[in-house]
């Protein structure tokens, strides 16, 4: 983990086992549209969590993946593939959130992709644009 936060183990009804959760640090200052306080983040998010609603947060499951990726609390949780970011246009190591969403480490945008497996075991991301 790149940063440290206090974590707790809680039972996740979707995963059917204990998962590590924590609260991200609150923003020190910012615009009025920033949330007050920290955000709940699941450090054990997986691509399967992106489907449906997260029982811990009550939000879309992909929200937990986005929070985890943006927090950099467990960068090892995501498979990284190289491809173009459809927001900033850079060729980057996209962090795969699930089978069709990835987050750009340069601009933090979430984009939809089609992932194509290559014969050499690699993969490539193609944007829907």
Protein backbone atom coordinates (compact mmCIF):
# COMPACT_ATOMS: atom_id res chain seq x y z
CA UNK A 1 0.00 0.00 0.00
CA UNK A 2 1.24 3.45 -0.85
CA UNK A 3 -0.53 5.25 2.01
CA UNK A 4 -1.74 4.22 5.42
CA UNK A 5 -5.21 4.58 6.87
CA UNK A 6 -6.91 2.88 9.77
CA UNK A 7 -8.69 -0.20 8.49
CA UNK A 8 -11.26 -2.58 9.88
CA UNK A 9 -12.38 -6.00 8.75
CA UNK A 10 -16.12 -6.11 8.05
CA UNK A 11 -18.30 -8.84 6.62
CA UNK A 12 -19.33 -8.20 3.01
CA UNK A 13 -22.60 -9.94 2.08
CA UNK A 14 -21.65 -9.90 -1.63
CA UNK A 15 -18.19 -11.44 -1.13
CA UNK A 16 -19.42 -13.62 1.75
CA UNK A 17 -16.26 -13.03 3.77
CA UNK A 18 -14.45 -10.30 5.66
CA UNK A 19 -12.98 -7.41 3.69
CA UNK A 20 -10.68 -4.55 4.70
CA UNK A 21 -12.35 -1.13 4.67
CA UNK A 22 -11.19 2.30 5.70
CA UNK A 23 -12.02 5.96 5.43
CA UNK A 24 -9.90 8.12 3.14
CA UNK A 25 -8.46 11.30 4.63
CA UNK A 26 -10.71 14.34 4.36
CA UNK A 27 -9.79 17.08 1.90
CA UNK A 28 -7.88 19.83 3.68
CA UNK A 29 -9.41 22.54 1.52
CA UNK A 30 -11.18 22.76 -1.76
CA UNK A 31 -14.24 23.70 -3.67
CA UNK A 32 -17.78 23.46 -2.40
CA UNK A 33 -18.44 20.36 -4.53
CA UNK A 34 -15.91 18.23 -2.60
CA UNK A 35 -17.47 15.84 -0.10
CA UNK A 36 -17.11 16.66 3.58
CA UNK A 37 -14.92 14.24 5.45
CA UNK A 38 -13.37 11.09 4.06
CA UNK A 39 -14.98 8.40 1.94
CA UNK A 40 -15.51 4.72 2.65
CA UNK A 41 -13.14 2.63 0.55
CA UNK A 42 -12.89 -1.15 0.30
CA UNK A 43 -9.25 -2.22 0.02
CA UNK A 44 -10.30 -5.67 -1.24
CA UNK A 45 -12.32 -4.48 -4.25
CA UNK A 46 -12.28 -6.82 -7.24
CA UNK A 47 -13.79 -6.63 -10.72
CA UNK A 48 -16.72 -8.77 -9.60
CA UNK A 49 -17.63 -6.03 -7.11
CA UNK A 50 -18.37 -3.63 -9.97
CA UNK A 51 -21.64 -5.38 -10.79
CA UNK A 52 -24.74 -4.24 -8.94
CA UNK A 53 -24.83 -2.28 -5.71
CA UNK A 54 -22.17 -2.43 -3.01
CA UNK A 55 -23.89 -3.55 0.22
CA UNK A 56 -21.34 -1.64 2.32
CA UNK A 57 -21.76 1.78 0.69
CA UNK A 58 -25.22 1.46 -0.89
CA UNK A 59 -23.79 2.87 -4.13
CA UNK A 60 -22.97 1.33 -7.48
CA UNK A 61 -20.22 -1.23 -6.96
CA UNK A 62 -17.92 0.47 -9.45
CA UNK A 63 -17.82 3.50 -7.13
CA UNK A 64 -15.74 1.49 -4.65
CA UNK A 65 -13.29 0.60 -7.42
CA UNK A 66 -12.95 4.24 -8.46
CA UNK A 67 -12.42 5.30 -4.83
CA UNK A 68 -9.76 2.63 -4.33
CA UNK A 69 -7.94 3.48 -7.57
CA UNK A 70 -7.96 7.22 -6.89
CA UNK A 71 -6.82 6.74 -3.28
CA UNK A 72 -3.78 4.63 -4.33
CA UNK A 73 -4.26 2.61 -1.13
CA UNK A 74 -3.90 -0.73 -2.96
CA UNK A 75 -2.59 -0.20 -6.48
CA UNK A 76 -1.81 -3.92 -6.69
CA UNK A 77 -5.55 -4.64 -6.75
CA UNK A 78 -5.85 -3.72 -10.42
CA UNK A 79 -4.57 -5.34 -13.57
CA UNK A 80 -2.77 -2.72 -15.63
CA UNK A 81 -2.95 -2.64 -19.40
CA UNK A 82 -1.56 -0.07 -21.80
CA UNK A 83 -3.89 1.94 -23.95
CA UNK A 84 -5.11 5.43 -24.77
CA UNK A 85 -7.08 7.44 -22.24
CA UNK A 86 -10.19 8.67 -24.02
CA UNK A 87 -10.22 11.78 -21.80
CA UNK A 88 -6.63 13.08 -21.88
CA UNK A 89 -5.45 11.15 -24.96
CA UNK A 90 -2.26 9.88 -23.32
CA UNK A 91 -0.99 6.30 -23.75
CA UNK A 92 -0.93 5.09 -20.16
CA UNK A 93 -1.10 2.05 -17.92
CA UNK A 94 -4.87 1.92 -17.42
CA UNK A 95 -6.04 0.34 -14.14
CA UNK A 96 -8.85 -2.10 -14.99
CA UNK A 97 -11.76 -1.70 -12.57
CA UNK A 98 -13.88 -4.43 -14.17
CA UNK A 99 -14.31 -5.99 -17.59
CA UNK A 100 -15.27 -2.69 -19.27
CA UNK A 101 -14.11 0.22 -17.08
CA UNK A 102 -10.62 1.55 -16.46
CA UNK A 103 -9.19 4.57 -14.69
CA UNK A 104 -6.42 6.72 -16.13
CA UNK A 105 -3.55 7.27 -13.67
CA UNK A 106 -2.69 10.59 -15.35
CA UNK A 107 -6.04 12.41 -15.23
CA UNK A 108 -8.07 10.13 -12.87
CA UNK A 109 -10.91 9.85 -15.40
CA UNK A 110 -13.00 6.69 -15.66
CA UNK A 111 -13.61 5.49 -19.18
CA UNK A 112 -15.37 2.59 -20.89
CA UNK A 113 -13.26 0.28 -22.99
CA UNK A 114 -13.37 -2.97 -24.89
CA UNK A 115 -10.49 -5.14 -23.68
CA UNK A 116 -8.97 -7.50 -26.23
CA UNK A 117 -6.77 -10.38 -25.06
CA UNK A 118 -3.65 -10.91 -27.17
CA UNK A 119 -2.06 -14.23 -28.09
CA UNK A 120 1.07 -13.44 -26.06
CA UNK A 121 -1.01 -13.23 -22.86
CA UNK A 122 -1.21 -9.45 -22.90
CA UNK A 123 -4.23 -7.29 -23.51
CA UNK A 124 -5.05 -4.01 -25.20
CA UNK A 125 -7.79 -1.47 -24.46
CA UNK A 126 -9.86 0.07 -27.25
CA UNK A 127 -12.02 3.10 -26.58
CA UNK A 128 -15.62 3.34 -27.70
CA UNK A 129 -14.99 6.66 -29.48
